[in-house]
Amino acid sequence: MNNKEKIFNVSIDLFSKYGFDGVSVRQIAGEVGIKESSIYNHYSSKQAIMNSILDYYVEEMISDEIALDQASLNLDKGFDFFYKAGCDAFLTKLREERMMKITRLFFIESYHNDDVRNFLKKSVIEAPIEGWIVLFNLMKEKNLIEKDCDVRQLSESFFYYGMFLLYEHFFLNYPEDDDKFFDDFLAKTEKHAKTIFNSVKIEGIQ
């Protein structure tokens, strides 16, 4: 592992424990085992380290995103299969220790860090909702749900519940048992998604 990778990993650990403002560049350098000035050979500032962490989070989540054509095939196997496949892909990535730390980090820092707040709004909330709008429109095309239903409202209603469960775990209930959380998250969001789907599905659709 080179020094830039060490700086990146140490920063995730420290930021998630003590908060962005509670960690100095000197502290990061000390944990890595290099001079403070050496940090700036790799990152222009502490905020630049944070920005690279947030970019990494998005890239990792997108890397396992199910393509639209595969999502279409999954829908053909029924909504339960479709939802389970998507949720499994999301949770597999989120279960990684580094991703867990970053998730907790952006919930904490969104309160007073404008860059993190904007990241949370655009990349963690708005972008996935737009993705769900595409998926609900796909359900319309396949005649699975009513043509006159509001896909944005459906998407927001579905997505915000999952965000609340994440917020509750990483912020309000921290540190609770992660394995229990993931089991509960899957069960609760699956039931919630099914409730939303059932409210607009065309009669006879499973």
N, C-alpha and C. Protein backbone atom coordinates (compact mmCIF):
# COMPACT_ATOMS: atom_id res chain seq x y z
N MET A 1 0.85 -1.19 0.00
CA MET A 1 0.00 0.00 0.00
C MET A 1 0.89 1.25 0.00
N ASN A 2 0.68 2.14 -0.96
CA ASN A 2 1.49 3.36 -1.00
C ASN A 2 0.97 4.40 -0.02
N ASN A 3 1.70 5.50 0.14
CA ASN A 3 1.34 6.50 1.14
C ASN A 3 -0.02 7.14 0.88
N LYS A 4 -0.36 7.36 -0.38
CA LYS A 4 -1.66 7.97 -0.68
C LYS A 4 -2.80 7.06 -0.22
N GLU A 5 -2.66 5.77 -0.45
CA GLU A 5 -3.68 4.82 0.00
C GLU A 5 -3.74 4.76 1.53
N LYS A 6 -2.57 4.84 2.17
CA LYS A 6 -2.54 4.85 3.64
C LYS A 6 -3.23 6.09 4.18
N ILE A 7 -2.96 7.23 3.59
CA ILE A 7 -3.60 8.49 4.01
C ILE A 7 -5.12 8.36 3.88
N PHE A 8 -5.55 7.80 2.77
CA PHE A 8 -6.98 7.62 2.49
C PHE A 8 -7.63 6.74 3.56
N ASN A 9 -7.04 5.58 3.82
CA ASN A 9 -7.61 4.64 4.78
C ASN A 9 -7.59 5.17 6.20
N VAL A 10 -6.47 5.77 6.60
CA VAL A 10 -6.36 6.35 7.95
C VAL A 10 -7.38 7.47 8.13
N SER A 11 -7.56 8.28 7.11
CA SER A 11 -8.52 9.40 7.20
C SER A 11 -9.94 8.89 7.40
N ILE A 12 -10.32 7.82 6.69
CA ILE A 12 -11.65 7.24 6.88
C ILE A 12 -11.82 6.80 8.33
N ASP A 13 -10.82 6.10 8.85
CA ASP A 13 -10.89 5.63 10.24
C ASP A 13 -11.03 6.79 11.21
N LEU A 14 -10.18 7.79 11.08
CA LEU A 14 -10.18 8.90 12.02
C LEU A 14 -11.42 9.78 11.89
N PHE A 15 -11.79 10.10 10.66
CA PHE A 15 -12.98 10.94 10.45
C PHE A 15 -14.23 10.28 11.00
N SER A 16 -14.35 8.96 10.80
CA SER A 16 -15.56 8.27 11.25
C SER A 16 -15.61 8.13 12.78
N LYS A 17 -14.45 8.20 13.43
CA LYS A 17 -14.40 8.12 14.89
C LYS A 17 -14.58 9.48 15.56
N TYR A 18 -13.86 10.50 15.02
CA TYR A 18 -13.77 11.78 15.72
C TYR A 18 -14.42 12.95 14.97
N GLY A 19 -14.91 12.68 13.75
CA GLY A 19 -15.48 13.76 12.96
C GLY A 19 -14.41 14.48 12.18
N PHE A 20 -14.81 15.11 11.10
CA PHE A 20 -13.86 15.80 10.22
C PHE A 20 -13.11 16.91 10.97
N ASP A 21 -13.83 17.74 11.71
CA ASP A 21 -13.19 18.85 12.41
C ASP A 21 -12.35 18.38 13.59
N GLY A 22 -12.61 17.18 14.07
CA GLY A 22 -11.87 16.68 15.22
C GLY A 22 -10.56 16.01 14.87
N VAL A 23 -10.21 16.02 13.59
CA VAL A 23 -8.98 15.37 13.13
C VAL A 23 -8.12 16.40 12.40
N SER A 24 -6.85 16.44 12.72
CA SER A 24 -5.92 17.37 12.07
C SER A 24 -5.09 16.63 11.03
N VAL A 25 -4.52 17.40 10.09
CA VAL A 25 -3.62 16.82 9.11
C VAL A 25 -2.41 16.20 9.81
N ARG A 26 -1.96 16.86 10.87
CA ARG A 26 -0.83 16.32 11.63
C ARG A 26 -1.17 14.96 12.22
N GLN A 27 -2.40 14.81 12.72
CA GLN A 27 -2.82 13.54 13.29
C GLN A 27 -2.85 12.44 12.23
N ILE A 28 -3.36 12.78 11.05
CA ILE A 28 -3.39 11.81 9.95
C ILE A 28 -1.97 11.38 9.59
N ALA A 29 -1.08 12.36 9.47
CA ALA A 29 0.31 12.06 9.13
C ALA A 29 0.96 11.17 10.18
N GLY A 30 0.68 11.46 11.45
CA GLY A 30 1.24 10.66 12.53
C GLY A 30 0.79 9.22 12.47
N GLU A 31 -0.50 9.01 12.17
CA GLU A 31 -1.02 7.63 12.07
C GLU A 31 -0.43 6.89 10.87
N VAL A 32 -0.19 7.64 9.80
CA VAL A 32 0.39 7.03 8.60
C VAL A 32 1.87 6.75 8.80
N GLY A 33 2.53 7.62 9.59
CA GLY A 33 3.96 7.47 9.82
C GLY A 33 4.80 8.29 8.87
N ILE A 34 4.26 9.45 8.45
CA ILE A 34 4.98 10.35 7.55
C ILE A 34 4.95 11.76 8.11
N LYS A 35 5.73 12.66 7.51
CA LYS A 35 5.72 14.06 7.93
C LYS A 35 4.42 14.73 7.48
N GLU A 36 3.99 15.72 8.24
CA GLU A 36 2.75 16.42 7.89
C GLU A 36 2.82 17.01 6.49
N SER A 37 3.98 17.57 6.14
CA SER A 37 4.14 18.20 4.82
C SER A 37 3.99 17.18 3.69
N SER A 38 4.24 15.91 3.97
CA SER A 38 4.15 14.87 2.94
C SER A 38 2.71 14.61 2.51
N ILE A 39 1.76 14.93 3.38
CA ILE A 39 0.35 14.79 3.03
C ILE A 39 0.05 15.58 1.75
N TYR A 40 0.64 16.77 1.66
CA TYR A 40 0.31 17.68 0.55
C TYR A 40 0.95 17.27 -0.77
N ASN A 41 1.76 16.22 -0.74
CA ASN A 41 2.24 15.64 -1.99
C ASN A 41 1.14 14.84 -2.68
N HIS A 42 0.12 14.50 -1.90
CA HIS A 42 -0.95 13.65 -2.41
C HIS A 42 -2.32 14.34 -2.40
N TYR A 43 -2.56 15.19 -1.42
CA TYR A 43 -3.84 15.89 -1.30
C TYR A 43 -3.57 17.36 -0.99
N SER A 44 -4.31 18.24 -1.63
CA SER A 44 -4.07 19.68 -1.47
C SER A 44 -4.55 20.19 -0.12
N SER A 45 -5.46 19.48 0.52
CA SER A 45 -6.02 19.92 1.80
C SER A 45 -6.75 18.77 2.47
N LYS A 46 -7.14 18.98 3.71
CA LYS A 46 -7.92 17.95 4.41
C LYS A 46 -9.27 17.76 3.73
N GLN A 47 -9.86 18.86 3.24
CA GLN A 47 -11.13 18.75 2.54
C GLN A 47 -10.98 17.94 1.25
N ALA A 48 -9.82 18.04 0.60
CA ALA A 48 -9.58 17.25 -0.61
C ALA A 48 -9.58 15.76 -0.28
N ILE A 49 -9.09 15.40 0.91
CA ILE A 49 -9.14 14.00 1.33
C ILE A 49 -10.59 13.58 1.50
N MET A 50 -11.37 14.43 2.16
CA MET A 50 -12.79 14.13 2.35
C MET A 50 -13.50 13.96 1.01
N ASN A 51 -13.22 14.87 0.08
CA ASN A 51 -13.87 14.79 -1.23
C ASN A 51 -13.52 13.49 -1.95
N SER A 52 -12.28 13.04 -1.81
CA SER A 52 -11.88 11.78 -2.45
C SER A 52 -12.61 10.60 -1.82
N ILE A 53 -12.87 10.68 -0.52
CA ILE A 53 -13.61 9.62 0.19
C ILE A 53 -15.05 9.56 -0.33
N LEU A 54 -15.67 10.72 -0.51
CA LEU A 54 -17.05 10.76 -0.99
C LEU A 54 -17.14 10.26 -2.43
N ASP A 55 -16.16 10.66 -3.26
CA ASP A 55 -16.14 10.19 -4.65
C ASP A 55 -16.00 8.67 -4.69
N TYR A 56 -15.16 8.15 -3.82
CA TYR A 56 -14.96 6.69 -3.75
C TYR A 56 -16.27 5.98 -3.40
N TYR A 57 -17.01 6.55 -2.48
CA TYR A 57 -18.27 5.94 -2.03
C TYR A 57 -19.24 5.81 -3.21
N VAL A 58 -19.38 6.87 -3.98
CA VAL A 58 -20.29 6.85 -5.12
C VAL A 58 -19.83 5.84 -6.16
N GLU A 59 -18.53 5.85 -6.46
CA GLU A 59 -18.00 4.92 -7.46
C GLU A 59 -18.22 3.47 -7.06
N GLU A 60 -18.04 3.18 -5.78
CA GLU A 60 -18.24 1.82 -5.30
C GLU A 60 -19.70 1.40 -5.39
N MET A 61 -20.61 2.29 -5.03
CA MET A 61 -22.03 1.97 -5.09
C MET A 61 -22.49 1.78 -6.53
N ILE A 62 -21.99 2.61 -7.43
CA ILE A 62 -22.39 2.51 -8.83
C ILE A 62 -21.83 1.25 -9.47
N SER A 63 -20.66 0.81 -9.01
CA SER A 63 -19.99 -0.34 -9.63
C SER A 63 -20.83 -1.62 -9.55
N ASP A 64 -21.67 -1.72 -8.54
CA ASP A 64 -22.51 -2.92 -8.38
C ASP A 64 -23.98 -2.65 -8.75
N GLU A 65 -24.22 -1.52 -9.37
CA GLU A 65 -25.59 -1.17 -9.74
C GLU A 65 -26.08 -2.10 -10.85
N ILE A 66 -27.30 -2.56 -10.71
CA ILE A 66 -27.88 -3.47 -11.70
C ILE A 66 -28.30 -2.68 -12.94
N ALA A 67 -27.83 -3.12 -14.10
CA ALA A 67 -28.15 -2.44 -15.35
C ALA A 67 -29.64 -2.51 -15.64
N LEU A 68 -30.14 -1.53 -16.41
CA LEU A 68 -31.58 -1.45 -16.66
C LEU A 68 -32.10 -2.69 -17.38
N ASP A 69 -31.32 -3.22 -18.32
CA ASP A 69 -31.81 -4.41 -19.03
C ASP A 69 -31.90 -5.62 -18.11
N GLN A 70 -30.97 -5.72 -17.14
CA GLN A 70 -31.05 -6.81 -16.17
C GLN A 70 -32.21 -6.58 -15.21
N ALA A 71 -32.42 -5.31 -14.82
CA ALA A 71 -33.56 -4.99 -13.95
C ALA A 71 -34.87 -5.37 -14.63
N SER A 72 -34.94 -5.15 -15.94
CA SER A 72 -36.13 -5.52 -16.71
C SER A 72 -36.37 -7.02 -16.67
N LEU A 73 -35.29 -7.79 -16.82
CA LEU A 73 -35.41 -9.25 -16.75
C LEU A 73 -35.83 -9.69 -15.35
N ASN A 74 -35.29 -9.02 -14.34
CA ASN A 74 -35.65 -9.36 -12.96
C ASN A 74 -37.12 -9.08 -12.68
N LEU A 75 -37.64 -8.00 -13.27
CA LEU A 75 -39.06 -7.68 -13.10
C LEU A 75 -39.94 -8.77 -13.70
N ASP A 76 -39.48 -9.37 -14.79
CA ASP A 76 -40.24 -10.43 -15.44
C ASP A 76 -40.40 -11.64 -14.52
N LYS A 77 -39.52 -11.75 -13.52
CA LYS A 77 -39.58 -12.87 -12.57
C LYS A 77 -40.43 -12.53 -11.35
N GLY A 78 -41.02 -11.33 -11.33
CA GLY A 78 -41.87 -10.93 -10.22
C GLY A 78 -41.24 -9.84 -9.39
N PHE A 79 -42.07 -9.03 -8.75
CA PHE A 79 -41.55 -7.90 -7.99
C PHE A 79 -40.69 -8.34 -6.82
N ASP A 80 -41.07 -9.42 -6.15
CA ASP A 80 -40.28 -9.90 -5.01
C ASP A 80 -38.85 -10.23 -5.43
N PHE A 81 -38.70 -10.93 -6.55
CA PHE A 81 -37.37 -11.27 -7.04
C PHE A 81 -36.61 -10.01 -7.43
N PHE A 82 -37.30 -9.11 -8.11
CA PHE A 82 -36.69 -7.85 -8.56
C PHE A 82 -36.15 -7.05 -7.38
N TYR A 83 -36.96 -6.90 -6.35
CA TYR A 83 -36.53 -6.10 -5.20
C TYR A 83 -35.40 -6.78 -4.44
N LYS A 84 -35.52 -8.07 -4.23
CA LYS A 84 -34.49 -8.80 -3.48
C LYS A 84 -33.13 -8.72 -4.18
N ALA A 85 -33.12 -8.83 -5.50
CA ALA A 85 -31.87 -8.77 -6.25
C ALA A 85 -31.20 -7.41 -6.08
N GLY A 86 -32.01 -6.35 -6.19
CA GLY A 86 -31.46 -5.00 -6.04
C GLY A 86 -30.97 -4.73 -4.63
N CYS A 87 -31.74 -5.15 -3.64
CA CYS A 87 -31.38 -4.92 -2.24
C CYS A 87 -30.13 -5.71 -1.86
N ASP A 88 -30.02 -6.93 -2.36
CA ASP A 88 -28.84 -7.75 -2.07
C ASP A 88 -27.58 -7.08 -2.61
N ALA A 89 -27.66 -6.52 -3.82
CA ALA A 89 -26.51 -5.85 -4.42
C ALA A 89 -26.09 -4.65 -3.58
N PHE A 90 -27.08 -3.88 -3.12
CA PHE A 90 -26.81 -2.70 -2.29
C PHE A 90 -26.19 -3.09 -0.95
N LEU A 91 -26.79 -4.08 -0.28
CA LEU A 91 -26.30 -4.46 1.05
C LEU A 91 -24.95 -5.15 1.00
N THR A 92 -24.68 -5.88 -0.07
CA THR A 92 -23.37 -6.52 -0.20
C THR A 92 -22.27 -5.47 -0.20
N LYS A 93 -22.50 -4.38 -0.91
CA LYS A 93 -21.51 -3.30 -0.93
C LYS A 93 -21.46 -2.56 0.40
N LEU A 94 -22.62 -2.28 0.97
CA LEU A 94 -22.68 -1.51 2.21
C LEU A 94 -22.05 -2.26 3.38
N ARG A 95 -22.10 -3.59 3.36
CA ARG A 95 -21.57 -4.39 4.45
C ARG A 95 -20.05 -4.26 4.60
N GLU A 96 -19.37 -3.81 3.57
CA GLU A 96 -17.92 -3.67 3.64
C GLU A 96 -17.57 -2.65 4.73
N GLU A 97 -16.59 -2.97 5.53
CA GLU A 97 -16.26 -2.14 6.69
C GLU A 97 -15.97 -0.69 6.31
N ARG A 98 -15.23 -0.51 5.24
CA ARG A 98 -14.89 0.85 4.80
C ARG A 98 -16.14 1.63 4.42
N MET A 99 -17.06 0.98 3.72
CA MET A 99 -18.29 1.65 3.29
C MET A 99 -19.17 1.98 4.49
N MET A 100 -19.18 1.12 5.49
CA MET A 100 -19.94 1.39 6.70
C MET A 100 -19.41 2.65 7.40
N LYS A 101 -18.10 2.76 7.47
CA LYS A 101 -17.49 3.92 8.12
C LYS A 101 -17.82 5.20 7.35
N ILE A 102 -17.76 5.14 6.03
CA ILE A 102 -18.06 6.33 5.22
C ILE A 102 -19.52 6.72 5.36
N THR A 103 -20.41 5.74 5.41
CA THR A 103 -21.83 6.03 5.57
C THR A 103 -22.09 6.78 6.88
N ARG A 104 -21.52 6.28 7.94
CA ARG A 104 -21.65 6.98 9.22
C ARG A 104 -21.04 8.37 9.13
N LEU A 105 -19.92 8.48 8.44
CA LEU A 105 -19.23 9.76 8.32
C LEU A 105 -20.10 10.81 7.64
N PHE A 106 -20.74 10.47 6.51
CA PHE A 106 -21.49 11.53 5.83
C PHE A 106 -22.78 11.89 6.55
N PHE A 107 -23.34 10.97 7.33
CA PHE A 107 -24.49 11.35 8.14
C PHE A 107 -24.09 12.35 9.21
N ILE A 108 -22.96 12.11 9.85
CA ILE A 108 -22.50 13.01 10.92
C ILE A 108 -22.09 14.37 10.35
N GLU A 109 -21.30 14.37 9.29
CA GLU A 109 -20.73 15.60 8.78
C GLU A 109 -21.71 16.46 8.00
N SER A 110 -22.82 15.89 7.56
CA SER A 110 -23.79 16.66 6.77
C SER A 110 -24.36 17.83 7.56
N TYR A 111 -24.25 17.78 8.88
CA TYR A 111 -24.80 18.84 9.73
C TYR A 111 -24.04 20.15 9.58
N HIS A 112 -22.71 20.08 9.40
CA HIS A 112 -21.94 21.33 9.39
C HIS A 112 -20.88 21.42 8.30
N ASN A 113 -20.87 20.46 7.37
CA ASN A 113 -19.90 20.49 6.27
C ASN A 113 -20.68 20.63 4.96
N ASP A 114 -20.56 21.79 4.31
CA ASP A 114 -21.35 22.06 3.11
C ASP A 114 -21.06 21.08 1.99
N ASP A 115 -19.79 20.70 1.83
CA ASP A 115 -19.44 19.75 0.77
C ASP A 115 -20.11 18.40 1.00
N VAL A 116 -20.10 17.96 2.25
CA VAL A 116 -20.72 16.68 2.58
C VAL A 116 -22.24 16.78 2.44
N ARG A 117 -22.80 17.90 2.87
CA ARG A 117 -24.25 18.08 2.76
C ARG A 117 -24.69 18.03 1.29
N ASN A 118 -23.95 18.72 0.43
CA ASN A 118 -24.29 18.72 -0.99
C ASN A 118 -24.12 17.33 -1.59
N PHE A 119 -23.09 16.62 -1.15
CA PHE A 119 -22.89 15.24 -1.60
C PHE A 119 -24.06 14.36 -1.19
N LEU A 120 -24.48 14.49 0.06
CA LEU A 120 -25.59 13.68 0.56
C LEU A 120 -26.86 13.95 -0.23
N LYS A 121 -27.14 15.21 -0.50
CA LYS A 121 -28.37 15.57 -1.21
C LYS A 121 -28.34 15.08 -2.66
N LYS A 122 -27.22 15.32 -3.34
CA LYS A 122 -27.16 15.02 -4.77
C LYS A 122 -26.89 13.55 -5.07
N SER A 123 -25.89 12.99 -4.39
CA SER A 123 -25.42 11.65 -4.76
C SER A 123 -26.10 10.52 -3.99
N VAL A 124 -26.48 10.79 -2.75
CA VAL A 124 -27.03 9.73 -1.91
C VAL A 124 -28.56 9.76 -1.88
N ILE A 125 -29.15 10.92 -2.15
CA ILE A 125 -30.61 11.02 -2.12
C ILE A 125 -31.20 11.26 -3.51
N GLU A 126 -30.81 12.37 -4.16
CA GLU A 126 -31.45 12.74 -5.42
C GLU A 126 -31.16 11.74 -6.55
N ALA A 127 -29.90 11.31 -6.67
CA ALA A 127 -29.55 10.38 -7.77
C ALA A 127 -30.27 9.04 -7.65
N PRO A 128 -30.30 8.40 -6.47
CA PRO A 128 -31.05 7.15 -6.37
C PRO A 128 -32.55 7.31 -6.62
N ILE A 129 -33.12 8.43 -6.18
CA ILE A 129 -34.54 8.65 -6.44
C ILE A 129 -34.80 8.73 -7.94
N GLU A 130 -33.92 9.42 -8.65
CA GLU A 130 -34.07 9.49 -10.11
C GLU A 130 -33.96 8.08 -10.71
N GLY A 131 -33.10 7.26 -10.13
CA GLY A 131 -32.99 5.88 -10.61
C GLY A 131 -34.27 5.10 -10.38
N TRP A 132 -34.90 5.31 -9.24
CA TRP A 132 -36.16 4.62 -8.96
C TRP A 132 -37.29 5.13 -9.83
N ILE A 133 -37.24 6.39 -10.21
CA ILE A 133 -38.24 6.91 -11.15
C ILE A 133 -38.15 6.16 -12.47
N VAL A 134 -36.92 5.92 -12.93
CA VAL A 134 -36.72 5.14 -14.16
C VAL A 134 -37.32 3.74 -14.00
N LEU A 135 -37.09 3.12 -12.84
CA LEU A 135 -37.58 1.76 -12.62
C LEU A 135 -39.10 1.71 -12.53
N PHE A 136 -39.71 2.69 -11.87
CA PHE A 136 -41.18 2.69 -11.81
C PHE A 136 -41.78 2.98 -13.18
N ASN A 137 -41.11 3.81 -13.98
CA ASN A 137 -41.58 4.02 -15.36
C ASN A 137 -41.46 2.73 -16.17
N LEU A 138 -40.42 1.95 -15.90
CA LEU A 138 -40.27 0.65 -16.55
C LEU A 138 -41.42 -0.27 -16.17
N MET A 139 -41.84 -0.20 -14.92
CA MET A 139 -42.99 -1.01 -14.48
C MET A 139 -44.26 -0.58 -15.22
N LYS A 140 -44.38 0.71 -15.50
CA LYS A 140 -45.53 1.19 -16.28
C LYS A 140 -45.48 0.59 -17.69
N GLU A 141 -44.30 0.63 -18.31
CA GLU A 141 -44.15 0.11 -19.67
C GLU A 141 -44.50 -1.37 -19.74
N LYS A 142 -44.22 -2.09 -18.68
CA LYS A 142 -44.50 -3.51 -18.63
C LYS A 142 -45.92 -3.81 -18.15
N ASN A 143 -46.71 -2.74 -17.95
CA ASN A 143 -48.09 -2.88 -17.49
C ASN A 143 -48.19 -3.61 -16.16
N LEU A 144 -47.26 -3.28 -15.27
CA LEU A 144 -47.28 -3.85 -13.93
C LEU A 144 -47.98 -2.93 -12.94
N ILE A 145 -47.90 -1.61 -13.17
CA ILE A 145 -48.53 -0.65 -12.27
C ILE A 145 -49.40 0.31 -13.08
N GLU A 146 -50.29 0.98 -12.39
CA GLU A 146 -51.24 1.89 -13.04
C GLU A 146 -50.53 3.01 -13.79
N LYS A 147 -51.03 3.34 -14.99
CA LYS A 147 -50.40 4.35 -15.83
C LYS A 147 -50.46 5.75 -15.22
N ASP A 148 -51.49 6.02 -14.40
CA ASP A 148 -51.67 7.38 -13.90
C ASP A 148 -51.02 7.60 -12.53
N CYS A 149 -50.26 6.62 -12.02
CA CYS A 149 -49.65 6.81 -10.71
C CYS A 149 -48.45 7.76 -10.82
N ASP A 150 -48.17 8.46 -9.74
CA ASP A 150 -47.10 9.44 -9.68
C ASP A 150 -45.79 8.72 -9.33
N VAL A 151 -44.93 8.52 -10.32
CA VAL A 151 -43.72 7.74 -10.09
C VAL A 151 -42.72 8.45 -9.17
N ARG A 152 -42.72 9.77 -9.20
CA ARG A 152 -41.81 10.49 -8.28
C ARG A 152 -42.26 10.30 -6.84
N GLN A 153 -43.54 10.41 -6.59
CA GLN A 153 -44.03 10.21 -5.23
C GLN A 153 -43.77 8.77 -4.77
N LEU A 154 -43.96 7.81 -5.67
CA LEU A 154 -43.68 6.42 -5.32
C LEU A 154 -42.20 6.23 -4.98
N SER A 155 -41.34 6.83 -5.80
CA SER A 155 -39.90 6.70 -5.60
C SER A 155 -39.46 7.32 -4.28
N GLU A 156 -39.96 8.51 -4.01
CA GLU A 156 -39.60 9.18 -2.76
C GLU A 156 -40.14 8.43 -1.56
N SER A 157 -41.38 7.96 -1.65
CA SER A 157 -41.98 7.21 -0.54
C SER A 157 -41.18 5.95 -0.23
N PHE A 158 -40.73 5.27 -1.28
CA PHE A 158 -39.93 4.06 -1.10
C PHE A 158 -38.56 4.40 -0.52
N PHE A 159 -37.87 5.35 -1.16
CA PHE A 159 -36.47 5.59 -0.84
C PHE A 159 -36.27 6.23 0.53
N TYR A 160 -37.14 7.16 0.89
CA TYR A 160 -36.94 7.86 2.15
C TYR A 160 -37.05 6.94 3.36
N TYR A 161 -37.82 5.89 3.25
CA TYR A 161 -37.92 4.95 4.38
C TYR A 161 -36.59 4.24 4.60
N GLY A 162 -35.97 3.80 3.52
CA GLY A 162 -34.66 3.17 3.64
C GLY A 162 -33.62 4.13 4.20
N MET A 163 -33.67 5.39 3.77
CA MET A 163 -32.74 6.39 4.29
C MET A 163 -32.94 6.60 5.78
N PHE A 164 -34.19 6.59 6.22
CA PHE A 164 -34.46 6.74 7.65
C PHE A 164 -33.84 5.59 8.44
N LEU A 165 -33.96 4.36 7.93
CA LEU A 165 -33.39 3.21 8.64
C LEU A 165 -31.87 3.32 8.73
N LEU A 166 -31.24 3.81 7.67
CA LEU A 166 -29.79 4.03 7.70
C LEU A 166 -29.43 5.10 8.72
N TYR A 167 -30.16 6.19 8.69
CA TYR A 167 -29.91 7.28 9.64
C TYR A 167 -30.08 6.79 11.07
N GLU A 168 -31.14 6.03 11.30
CA GLU A 168 -31.42 5.51 12.64
C GLU A 168 -30.27 4.62 13.13
N HIS A 169 -29.74 3.79 12.24
CA HIS A 169 -28.68 2.87 12.63
C HIS A 169 -27.35 3.59 12.84
N PHE A 170 -26.95 4.39 11.86
CA PHE A 170 -25.62 4.98 11.88
C PHE A 170 -25.51 6.22 12.76
N PHE A 171 -26.63 6.81 13.11
CA PHE A 171 -26.58 8.05 13.88
C PHE A 171 -27.26 7.92 15.23
N LEU A 172 -28.50 7.49 15.23
CA LEU A 172 -29.26 7.44 16.48
C LEU A 172 -28.92 6.24 17.34
N ASN A 173 -28.74 5.06 16.73
CA ASN A 173 -28.54 3.83 17.49
C ASN A 173 -27.09 3.36 17.54
N TYR A 174 -26.17 4.12 16.99
CA TYR A 174 -24.77 3.72 16.95
C TYR A 174 -24.20 3.61 18.36
N PRO A 175 -23.39 2.57 18.69
CA PRO A 175 -23.11 1.40 17.82
C PRO A 175 -24.01 0.22 18.19
N GLU A 176 -24.91 -0.14 17.34
CA GLU A 176 -25.70 -1.34 17.56
C GLU A 176 -25.17 -2.46 16.67
N ASP A 177 -25.68 -3.65 16.85
CA ASP A 177 -25.19 -4.82 16.11
C ASP A 177 -25.46 -4.66 14.62
N ASP A 178 -24.40 -4.67 13.81
CA ASP A 178 -24.55 -4.46 12.37
C ASP A 178 -25.30 -5.61 11.70
N ASP A 179 -25.01 -6.84 12.09
CA ASP A 179 -25.66 -7.99 11.45
C ASP A 179 -27.18 -7.95 11.67
N LYS A 180 -27.58 -7.61 12.88
CA LYS A 180 -29.01 -7.48 13.16
C LYS A 180 -29.63 -6.37 12.33
N PHE A 181 -28.89 -5.27 12.19
CA PHE A 181 -29.39 -4.16 11.39
C PHE A 181 -29.64 -4.58 9.95
N PHE A 182 -28.69 -5.28 9.36
CA PHE A 182 -28.85 -5.67 7.96
C PHE A 182 -30.02 -6.63 7.78
N ASP A 183 -30.21 -7.55 8.70
CA ASP A 183 -31.36 -8.45 8.63
C ASP A 183 -32.67 -7.67 8.74
N ASP A 184 -32.71 -6.74 9.69
CA ASP A 184 -33.91 -5.93 9.88
C ASP A 184 -34.15 -5.02 8.68
N PHE A 185 -33.07 -4.44 8.15
CA PHE A 185 -33.19 -3.53 7.00
C PHE A 185 -33.82 -4.24 5.82
N LEU A 186 -33.34 -5.44 5.52
CA LEU A 186 -33.88 -6.20 4.39
C LEU A 186 -35.34 -6.53 4.62
N ALA A 187 -35.68 -7.00 5.80
CA ALA A 187 -37.07 -7.39 6.09
C ALA A 187 -38.01 -6.19 6.04
N LYS A 188 -37.59 -5.08 6.66
CA LYS A 188 -38.46 -3.90 6.73
C LYS A 188 -38.63 -3.23 5.38
N THR A 189 -37.54 -3.06 4.64
CA THR A 189 -37.65 -2.37 3.35
C THR A 189 -38.37 -3.24 2.32
N GLU A 190 -38.18 -4.55 2.42
CA GLU A 190 -38.88 -5.45 1.49
C GLU A 190 -40.40 -5.36 1.72
N LYS A 191 -40.81 -5.34 2.97
CA LYS A 191 -42.23 -5.22 3.29
C LYS A 191 -42.77 -3.87 2.84
N HIS A 192 -41.98 -2.82 3.08
CA HIS A 192 -42.39 -1.47 2.69
C HIS A 192 -42.52 -1.35 1.17
N ALA A 193 -41.53 -1.87 0.44
CA ALA A 193 -41.56 -1.81 -1.01
C ALA A 193 -42.76 -2.56 -1.57
N LYS A 194 -43.05 -3.71 -0.97
CA LYS A 194 -44.19 -4.51 -1.42
C LYS A 194 -45.50 -3.76 -1.17
N THR A 195 -45.58 -3.07 -0.05
CA THR A 195 -46.78 -2.28 0.25
C THR A 195 -46.99 -1.19 -0.80
N ILE A 196 -45.91 -0.50 -1.17
CA ILE A 196 -46.00 0.55 -2.18
C ILE A 196 -46.38 -0.04 -3.53
N PHE A 197 -45.74 -1.14 -3.90
CA PHE A 197 -46.04 -1.78 -5.18
C PHE A 197 -47.49 -2.23 -5.24
N ASN A 198 -47.96 -2.84 -4.17
CA ASN A 198 -49.34 -3.33 -4.13
C ASN A 198 -50.36 -2.21 -4.24
N SER A 199 -49.99 -1.01 -3.80
CA SER A 199 -50.93 0.11 -3.82
C SER A 199 -51.21 0.61 -5.23
N VAL A 200 -50.32 0.28 -6.18
CA VAL A 200 -50.49 0.80 -7.55
C VAL A 200 -50.44 -0.30 -8.61
N LYS A 201 -50.25 -1.54 -8.21
CA LYS A 201 -50.12 -2.59 -9.21
C LYS A 201 -51.45 -2.85 -9.91
N ILE A 202 -51.37 -3.31 -11.13
CA ILE A 202 -52.56 -3.68 -11.88
C ILE A 202 -53.08 -5.02 -11.36
N GLU A 203 -54.36 -5.12 -11.22
CA GLU A 203 -54.98 -6.32 -10.63
C GLU A 203 -54.54 -7.58 -11.37
N GLY A 204 -54.17 -8.58 -10.60
CA GLY A 204 -53.74 -9.84 -11.18
C GLY A 204 -52.24 -10.00 -11.26
N ILE A 205 -51.50 -8.87 -11.08
CA ILE A 205 -50.03 -8.92 -11.12
C ILE A 205 -49.50 -9.41 -9.79
N GLN A 206 -48.51 -10.29 -9.84
CA GLN A 206 -47.90 -10.82 -8.62
C GLN A 206 -46.67 -10.00 -8.25
